[in-house]
PDB file of all heavy atoms in Angstrom:
ATOM      1  N   GLU A   1       4.877  57.955 -25.172  1.00  0.00           N
ATOM      2  CA  GLU A   1       3.398  57.547 -25.104  1.00  0.00           C
ATOM      3  C   GLU A   1       3.197  56.530 -26.189  1.00  0.00           C
ATOM      4  O   GLU A   1       2.268  55.564 -25.866  1.00  0.00           O
ATOM      5  CB  GLU A   1       2.527  58.781 -25.455  1.00  0.00           C
ATOM      6  CG  GLU A   1       1.119  58.529 -25.362  1.00  0.00           C
ATOM      7  CD  GLU A   1       0.210  59.805 -25.553  1.00  0.00           C
ATOM      8  OE1 GLU A   1       0.832  60.935 -25.496  1.00  0.00           O
ATOM      9  OE2 GLU A   1      -0.932  59.639 -25.625  1.00  0.00           O
ATOM     10  N   PHE A   2       3.729  56.610 -27.291  1.00  0.00           N
ATOM     11  CA  PHE A   2       3.398  55.515 -28.366  1.00  0.00           C
ATOM     12  C   PHE A   2       4.796  54.773 -28.594  1.00  0.00           C
ATOM     13  O   PHE A   2       5.681  55.116 -29.375  1.00  0.00           O
ATOM     14  CB  PHE A   2       2.987  56.250 -29.572  1.00  0.00           C
ATOM     15  CG  PHE A   2       1.866  57.068 -29.515  1.00  0.00           C
ATOM     16  CD1 PHE A   2       1.999  58.456 -29.600  1.00  0.00           C
ATOM     17  CD2 PHE A   2       0.588  56.612 -29.250  1.00  0.00           C
ATOM     18  CE1 PHE A   2       0.895  59.263 -29.463  1.00  0.00           C
ATOM     19  CE2 PHE A   2      -0.526  57.308 -29.089  1.00  0.00           C
ATOM     20  CZ  PHE A   2      -0.362  58.794 -29.200  1.00  0.00           C
ATOM     21  N   LYS A   3       4.937  53.631 -27.898  1.00  0.00           N
ATOM     22  CA  LYS A   3       6.121  52.904 -27.812  1.00  0.00           C
ATOM     23  C   LYS A   3       6.419  52.241 -29.201  1.00  0.00           C
ATOM     24  O   LYS A   3       7.634  51.959 -29.545  1.00  0.00           O
ATOM     25  CB  LYS A   3       6.109  51.854 -26.844  1.00  0.00           C
ATOM     26  CG  LYS A   3       6.059  52.452 -25.442  1.00  0.00           C
ATOM     27  CD  LYS A   3       6.204  51.440 -24.277  1.00  0.00           C
ATOM     28  CE  LYS A   3       6.177  52.071 -22.976  1.00  0.00           C
ATOM     29  NZ  LYS A   3       6.326  51.101 -21.834  1.00  0.00           N
ATOM     30  N   ASP A   4       5.375  52.019 -30.009  1.00  0.00           N
ATOM     31  CA  ASP A   4       5.542  51.354 -31.241  1.00  0.00           C
ATOM     32  C   ASP A   4       5.702  52.312 -32.365  1.00  0.00           C
ATOM     33  O   ASP A   4       5.762  51.882 -33.656  1.00  0.00           O
ATOM     34  CB  ASP A   4       4.402  50.395 -31.612  1.00  0.00           C
ATOM     35  CG  ASP A   4       3.072  51.110 -31.549  1.00  0.00           C
ATOM     36  OD1 ASP A   4       3.144  52.196 -31.012  1.00  0.00           O
ATOM     37  OD2 ASP A   4       2.011  50.556 -32.053  1.00  0.00           O
ATOM     38  N   PHE A   5       5.940  53.625 -32.184  1.00  0.00           N
ATOM     39  CA  PHE A   5       6.022  54.635 -33.221  1.00  0.00           C
ATOM     40  C   PHE A   5       7.488  55.094 -33.203  1.00  0.00           C
ATOM     41  O   PHE A   5       7.915  55.597 -32.268  1.00  0.00           O
ATOM     42  CB  PHE A   5       5.048  55.826 -33.050  1.00  0.00           C
ATOM     43  CG  PHE A   5       5.067  56.807 -34.103  1.00  0.00           C
ATOM     44  CD1 PHE A   5       4.503  56.515 -35.260  1.00  0.00           C
ATOM     45  CD2 PHE A   5       5.617  58.025 -33.882  1.00  0.00           C
ATOM     46  CE1 PHE A   5       4.457  57.443 -36.342  1.00  0.00           C
ATOM     47  CE2 PHE A   5       5.624  59.036 -34.937  1.00  0.00           C
ATOM     48  CZ  PHE A   5       4.948  58.692 -36.110  1.00  0.00           C
ATOM     49  N   GLU A   6       8.156  54.705 -34.348  1.00  0.00           N
ATOM     50  CA  GLU A   6       9.631  54.922 -34.373  1.00  0.00           C
ATOM     51  C   GLU A   6      10.034  56.244 -34.364  1.00  0.00           C
ATOM     52  O   GLU A   6      11.227  56.691 -33.953  1.00  0.00           O
ATOM     53  CB  GLU A   6      10.228  54.140 -35.537  1.00  0.00           C
ATOM     54  CG  GLU A   6      10.016  52.615 -35.630  1.00  0.00           C
ATOM     55  CD  GLU A   6      10.573  51.987 -36.747  1.00  0.00           C
ATOM     56  OE1 GLU A   6      10.967  52.750 -37.742  1.00  0.00           O
ATOM     57  OE2 GLU A   6      10.645  50.705 -36.841  1.00  0.00           O
ATOM     58  N   ASN A   7       9.133  57.184 -34.872  1.00  0.00           N
ATOM     59  CA  ASN A   7       9.556  58.554 -35.070  1.00  0.00           C
ATOM     60  C   ASN A   7       9.290  59.547 -33.880  1.00  0.00           C
ATOM     61  O   ASN A   7       9.234  60.670 -34.003  1.00  0.00           O
ATOM     62  CB  ASN A   7       8.878  59.144 -36.273  1.00  0.00           C
ATOM     63  CG  ASN A   7       9.314  58.532 -37.565  1.00  0.00           C
ATOM     64  OD1 ASN A   7      10.570  58.171 -37.740  1.00  0.00           O
ATOM     65  ND2 ASN A   7       8.501  58.316 -38.552  1.00  0.00           N
ATOM     66  N   SER A   8       8.919  58.950 -32.736  1.00  0.00           N
ATOM     67  CA  SER A   8       8.649  59.803 -31.531  1.00  0.00           C
ATOM     68  C   SER A   8       9.855  60.497 -31.112  1.00  0.00           C
ATOM     69  O   SER A   8      11.026  60.065 -31.245  1.00  0.00           O
ATOM     70  CB  SER A   8       8.334  58.773 -30.349  1.00  0.00           C
ATOM     71  OG  SER A   8       6.988  58.205 -30.600  1.00  0.00           O
ATOM     72  N   VAL A   9       9.577  61.813 -30.754  1.00  0.00           N
ATOM     73  CA  VAL A   9      10.746  62.670 -30.208  1.00  0.00           C
ATOM     74  C   VAL A   9      11.240  62.064 -29.008  1.00  0.00           C
ATOM     75  O   VAL A   9      12.410  61.963 -28.757  1.00  0.00           O
ATOM     76  CB  VAL A   9      10.099  64.102 -30.073  1.00  0.00           C
ATOM     77  CG1 VAL A   9      11.285  65.061 -29.467  1.00  0.00           C
ATOM     78  CG2 VAL A   9       9.606  64.646 -31.326  1.00  0.00           C
ATOM     79  N   MET A  10      10.404  61.655 -28.086  1.00  0.00           N
ATOM     80  CA  MET A  10      10.869  61.108 -26.922  1.00  0.00           C
ATOM     81  C   MET A  10      11.120  59.597 -27.094  1.00  0.00           C
ATOM     82  O   MET A  10      10.306  58.835 -27.614  1.00  0.00           O
ATOM     83  CB  MET A  10       9.785  61.141 -25.775  1.00  0.00           C
ATOM     84  CG  MET A  10      10.107  60.405 -24.524  1.00  0.00           C
ATOM     85  SD  MET A  10       8.791  60.481 -23.137  1.00  0.00           S
ATOM     86  CE  MET A  10       9.175  61.987 -22.435  1.00  0.00           C
ATOM     87  N   LYS A  11      12.354  59.048 -26.788  1.00  0.00           N
ATOM     88  CA  LYS A  11      12.786  57.773 -26.893  1.00  0.00           C
ATOM     89  C   LYS A  11      12.657  57.037 -25.520  1.00  0.00           C
ATOM     90  O   LYS A  11      12.695  57.694 -24.466  1.00  0.00           O
ATOM     91  CB  LYS A  11      14.232  57.658 -27.430  1.00  0.00           C
ATOM     92  CG  LYS A  11      14.344  58.458 -28.780  1.00  0.00           C
ATOM     93  CD  LYS A  11      13.539  57.880 -29.902  1.00  0.00           C
ATOM     94  CE  LYS A  11      13.707  58.608 -31.151  1.00  0.00           C
ATOM     95  NZ  LYS A  11      12.779  58.087 -32.300  1.00  0.00           N
ATOM     96  N   ASP A  12      12.675  55.642 -25.590  1.00  0.00           N
ATOM     97  CA  ASP A  12      12.726  54.935 -24.432  1.00  0.00           C
ATOM     98  C   ASP A  12      14.087  54.775 -23.951  1.00  0.00           C
ATOM     99  O   ASP A  12      14.955  54.120 -24.537  1.00  0.00           O
ATOM    100  CB  ASP A  12      12.133  53.527 -24.730  1.00  0.00           C
ATOM    101  CG  ASP A  12      11.756  52.728 -23.443  1.00  0.00           C
ATOM    102  OD1 ASP A  12      12.297  53.031 -22.361  1.00  0.00           O
ATOM    103  OD2 ASP A  12      10.848  51.788 -23.504  1.00  0.00           O
ATOM    104  N   VAL A  13      14.327  55.515 -22.817  1.00  0.00           N
ATOM    105  CA  VAL A  13      15.727  55.617 -22.330  1.00  0.00           C
ATOM    106  C   VAL A  13      15.708  55.416 -20.750  1.00  0.00           C
ATOM    107  O   VAL A  13      14.942  56.003 -20.144  1.00  0.00           O
ATOM    108  CB  VAL A  13      16.474  56.957 -22.642  1.00  0.00           C
ATOM    109  CG1 VAL A  13      17.968  56.854 -22.294  1.00  0.00           C
ATOM    110  CG2 VAL A  13      16.409  57.203 -24.180  1.00  0.00           C
ATOM    111  N   SER A  14      16.673  54.713 -20.150  1.00  0.00           N
ATOM    112  CA  SER A  14      16.909  54.664 -18.802  1.00  0.00           C
ATOM    113  C   SER A  14      18.313  55.043 -18.460  1.00  0.00           C
ATOM    114  O   SER A  14      19.219  54.813 -19.353  1.00  0.00           O
ATOM    115  CB  SER A  14      16.538  53.296 -18.297  1.00  0.00           C
ATOM    116  OG  SER A  14      17.372  52.330 -18.787  1.00  0.00           O
ATOM    117  N   ALA A  15      18.559  55.541 -17.258  1.00  0.00           N
ATOM    118  CA  ALA A  15      19.888  56.017 -16.962  1.00  0.00           C
ATOM    119  C   ALA A  15      20.219  55.697 -15.464  1.00  0.00           C
ATOM    120  O   ALA A  15      19.310  56.050 -14.543  1.00  0.00           O
ATOM    121  CB  ALA A  15      20.114  57.379 -17.265  1.00  0.00           C
ATOM    122  N   TYR A  16      21.388  55.200 -15.151  1.00  0.00           N
ATOM    123  CA  TYR A  16      21.837  55.138 -13.794  1.00  0.00           C
ATOM    124  C   TYR A  16      23.028  56.155 -13.563  1.00  0.00           C
ATOM    125  O   TYR A  16      23.929  56.272 -14.449  1.00  0.00           O
ATOM    126  CB  TYR A  16      22.345  53.847 -13.472  1.00  0.00           C
ATOM    127  CG  TYR A  16      21.277  52.731 -13.402  1.00  0.00           C
ATOM    128  CD1 TYR A  16      20.981  51.915 -14.356  1.00  0.00           C
ATOM    129  CD2 TYR A  16      20.639  52.392 -12.129  1.00  0.00           C
ATOM    130  CE1 TYR A  16      19.942  51.021 -14.339  1.00  0.00           C
ATOM    131  CE2 TYR A  16      19.644  51.487 -11.991  1.00  0.00           C
ATOM    132  CZ  TYR A  16      19.272  50.773 -13.078  1.00  0.00           C
ATOM    133  OH  TYR A  16      18.325  49.849 -12.931  1.00  0.00           O
ATOM    134  N   THR A  17      23.000  56.840 -12.584  1.00  0.00           N
ATOM    135  CA  THR A  17      23.982  57.832 -12.263  1.00  0.00           C
ATOM    136  C   THR A  17      24.565  57.653 -10.794  1.00  0.00           C
ATOM    137  O   THR A  17      23.845  57.676  -9.927  1.00  0.00           O
ATOM    138  CB  THR A  17      23.585  59.315 -12.388  1.00  0.00           C
ATOM    139  OG1 THR A  17      23.125  59.449 -13.767  1.00  0.00           O
ATOM    140  CG2 THR A  17      24.722  60.275 -12.262  1.00  0.00           C
ATOM    141  N   LEU A  18      25.920  57.666 -10.707  1.00  0.00           N
ATOM    142  CA  LEU A  18      26.564  57.645  -9.387  1.00  0.00           C
ATOM    143  C   LEU A  18      27.430  58.954  -9.291  1.00  0.00           C
ATOM    144  O   LEU A  18      28.213  59.302 -10.175  1.00  0.00           O
ATOM    145  CB  LEU A  18      27.515  56.383  -9.274  1.00  0.00           C
ATOM    146  CG  LEU A  18      28.402  56.298  -8.047  1.00  0.00           C
ATOM    147  CD1 LEU A  18      27.420  56.159  -6.777  1.00  0.00           C
ATOM    148  CD2 LEU A  18      29.315  55.197  -8.125  1.00  0.00           C
ATOM    149  N   GLY A  19      27.184  59.555  -8.249  1.00  0.00           N
ATOM    150  CA  GLY A  19      27.853  60.971  -8.062  1.00  0.00           C
ATOM    151  C   GLY A  19      28.662  60.985  -6.788  1.00  0.00           C
ATOM    152  O   GLY A  19      28.339  60.443  -5.745  1.00  0.00           O
ATOM    153  N   LEU A  20      29.744  61.749  -6.807  1.00  0.00           N
ATOM    154  CA  LEU A  20      30.577  61.986  -5.599  1.00  0.00           C
ATOM    155  C   LEU A  20      30.860  63.555  -5.737  1.00  0.00           C
ATOM    156  O   LEU A  20      31.425  64.144  -6.597  1.00  0.00           O
ATOM    157  CB  LEU A  20      31.866  61.171  -5.719  1.00  0.00           C
ATOM    158  CG  LEU A  20      32.870  61.405  -4.537  1.00  0.00           C
ATOM    159  CD1 LEU A  20      32.286  60.793  -3.162  1.00  0.00           C
ATOM    160  CD2 LEU A  20      34.143  60.665  -4.777  1.00  0.00           C
ATOM    161  N   THR A  21      30.645  64.129  -4.402  1.00  0.00           N
ATOM    162  CA  THR A  21      30.836  65.514  -4.362  1.00  0.00           C
ATOM    163  C   THR A  21      31.569  65.873  -3.119  1.00  0.00           C
ATOM    164  O   THR A  21      31.430  65.226  -1.991  1.00  0.00           O
ATOM    165  CB  THR A  21      29.455  66.268  -4.288  1.00  0.00           C
ATOM    166  OG1 THR A  21      28.746  65.938  -5.483  1.00  0.00           O
ATOM    167  CG2 THR A  21      29.553  67.867  -4.206  1.00  0.00           C
ATOM    168  N   LYS A  22      32.511  66.906  -3.260  1.00  0.00           N
ATOM    169  CA  LYS A  22      33.186  67.469  -2.112  1.00  0.00           C
ATOM    170  C   LYS A  22      32.651  68.927  -1.878  1.00  0.00           C
ATOM    171  O   LYS A  22      32.995  69.864  -2.817  1.00  0.00           O
ATOM    172  CB  LYS A  22      34.582  67.447  -2.240  1.00  0.00           C
ATOM    173  CG  LYS A  22      35.459  68.209  -1.124  1.00  0.00           C
ATOM    174  CD  LYS A  22      35.101  67.659   0.206  1.00  0.00           C
ATOM    175  CE  LYS A  22      35.999  68.406   1.412  1.00  0.00           C
ATOM    176  NZ  LYS A  22      35.560  68.038   2.711  1.00  0.00           N
ATOM    177  N   TYR A  23      31.916  69.191  -0.842  1.00  0.00           N
ATOM    178  CA  TYR A  23      31.420  70.547  -0.605  1.00  0.00           C
ATOM    179  C   TYR A  23      32.527  71.277   0.310  1.00  0.00           C
ATOM    180  O   TYR A  23      32.640  70.862   1.446  1.00  0.00           O
ATOM    181  CB  TYR A  23      30.048  70.550   0.145  1.00  0.00           C
ATOM    182  CG  TYR A  23      28.990  70.027  -0.603  1.00  0.00           C
ATOM    183  CD1 TYR A  23      28.625  68.581  -0.606  1.00  0.00           C
ATOM    184  CD2 TYR A  23      28.290  70.767  -1.514  1.00  0.00           C
ATOM    185  CE1 TYR A  23      27.615  68.082  -1.313  1.00  0.00           C
ATOM    186  CE2 TYR A  23      27.237  70.200  -2.319  1.00  0.00           C
ATOM    187  CZ  TYR A  23      26.837  68.871  -2.108  1.00  0.00           C
ATOM    188  OH  TYR A  23      25.876  68.357  -2.889  1.00  0.00           O
ATOM    189  N   ILE A  24      33.195  72.221  -0.276  1.00  0.00           N
ATOM    190  CA  ILE A  24      34.265  72.866   0.401  1.00  0.00           C
ATOM    191  C   ILE A  24      33.706  74.041   1.208  1.00  0.00           C
ATOM    192  O   ILE A  24      33.999  74.245   2.334  1.00  0.00           O
ATOM    193  CB  ILE A  24      35.320  73.391  -0.603  1.00  0.00           C
ATOM    194  CG1 ILE A  24      35.884  72.199  -1.331  1.00  0.00           C
ATOM    195  CG2 ILE A  24      36.470  74.157   0.177  1.00  0.00           C
ATOM    196  CD1 ILE A  24      36.839  72.515  -2.477  1.00  0.00           C
ATOM    197  N   LYS A  25      32.769  74.682   0.561  1.00  0.00           N
ATOM    198  CA  LYS A  25      32.043  75.753   1.315  1.00  0.00           C
ATOM    199  C   LYS A  25      30.582  75.707   0.865  1.00  0.00           C
ATOM    200  O   LYS A  25      30.037  76.572   0.048  1.00  0.00           O
ATOM    201  CB  LYS A  25      32.632  77.146   1.051  1.00  0.00           C
ATOM    202  CG  LYS A  25      32.000  78.261   2.021  1.00  0.00           C
ATOM    203  CD  LYS A  25      32.568  79.616   1.706  1.00  0.00           C
ATOM    204  CE  LYS A  25      31.907  80.619   2.728  1.00  0.00           C
ATOM    205  NZ  LYS A  25      32.399  81.952   2.554  1.00  0.00           N
ATOM    206  N   GLY A  26      29.869  74.742   1.215  1.00  0.00           N
ATOM    207  CA  GLY A  26      28.587  74.456   0.785  1.00  0.00           C
ATOM    208  C   GLY A  26      28.464  74.339  -0.776  1.00  0.00           C
ATOM    209  O   GLY A  26      29.400  73.880  -1.411  1.00  0.00           O
ATOM    210  N   ASN A  27      27.446  74.864  -1.274  1.00  0.00           N
ATOM    211  CA  ASN A  27      27.269  74.891  -2.758  1.00  0.00           C
ATOM    212  C   ASN A  27      28.049  76.044  -3.408  1.00  0.00           C
ATOM    213  O   ASN A  27      28.246  76.084  -4.684  1.00  0.00           O
ATOM    214  CB  ASN A  27      25.807  74.982  -3.234  1.00  0.00           C
ATOM    215  CG  ASN A  27      25.040  73.755  -3.272  1.00  0.00           C
ATOM    216  OD1 ASN A  27      25.361  72.825  -4.179  1.00  0.00           O
ATOM    217  ND2 ASN A  27      24.087  73.617  -2.383  1.00  0.00           N
ATOM    218  N   ASN A  28      28.775  76.880  -2.592  1.00  0.00           N
ATOM    219  CA  ASN A  28      29.411  78.011  -3.091  1.00  0.00           C
ATOM    220  C   ASN A  28      30.871  77.583  -3.713  1.00  0.00           C
ATOM    221  O   ASN A  28      31.190  78.105  -4.732  1.00  0.00           O
ATOM    222  CB  ASN A  28      29.684  79.031  -2.104  1.00  0.00           C
ATOM    223  CG  ASN A  28      28.333  79.509  -1.523  1.00  0.00           C
ATOM    224  OD1 ASN A  28      27.359  79.630  -2.246  1.00  0.00           O
ATOM    225  ND2 ASN A  28      28.344  79.733  -0.315  1.00  0.00           N
ATOM    226  N   LEU A  29      31.478  76.546  -3.197  1.00  0.00           N
ATOM    227  CA  LEU A  29      32.741  76.104  -3.691  1.00  0.00           C
ATOM    228  C   LEU A  29      32.698  74.569  -3.534  1.00  0.00           C
ATOM    229  O   LEU A  29      32.709  74.008  -2.377  1.00  0.00           O
ATOM    230  CB  LEU A  29      33.828  76.695  -2.798  1.00  0.00           C
ATOM    231  CG  LEU A  29      35.291  76.387  -3.208  1.00  0.00           C
ATOM    232  CD1 LEU A  29      35.477  76.849  -4.652  1.00  0.00           C
ATOM    233  CD2 LEU A  29      36.300  76.979  -2.367  1.00  0.00           C
TER     234      LEU A  29
END
């Protein structure tokens, strides 16, 4: 909320994520 306040608990961060999944038996395996 306060970008110019250095001691903020929340920091300005961005993230990119690429995922690959093999569902063998749905979410169960």
